[in-house]
């Protein structure tokens, strides 16, 4: 599956961004989709996930209460609304699917897989 992530940029601490993950041909009503991020020198880490079947959402502890994942099935697009951004949120952000339900619920701190998309860079700095 080929994803196209977009919406990243440079933002000051406390600012907001909305990332988009376009997945042409992917049926979001049957597919669990997750957002991951990779900071320099680290592996990809789970950020958030949304279940296809019922839209349940899950977040890693560092972003809980600040980020919101959502989807528009008609547009085959998953979003990540990021508020109150912090410098430690600086990373390249990627989406991935399909994900097992158990992985979606317990987002991994390290997630290794092949064929990541291009990602979108988020930089939080004053």
Foldseek 3Di string as FASTA:
>chain_A
DAKDKDWADEAAQQAKIKMKIADPPDQLLQAKKFKWWDDPPGAIWTAKIAHNNPRDIEGDPVQPPFWDWDDDRVRNMIMIIGGRDDQVVWTFMFMDDRDDPVCNHVTGGHDDDPDTYPTHTHGYHD
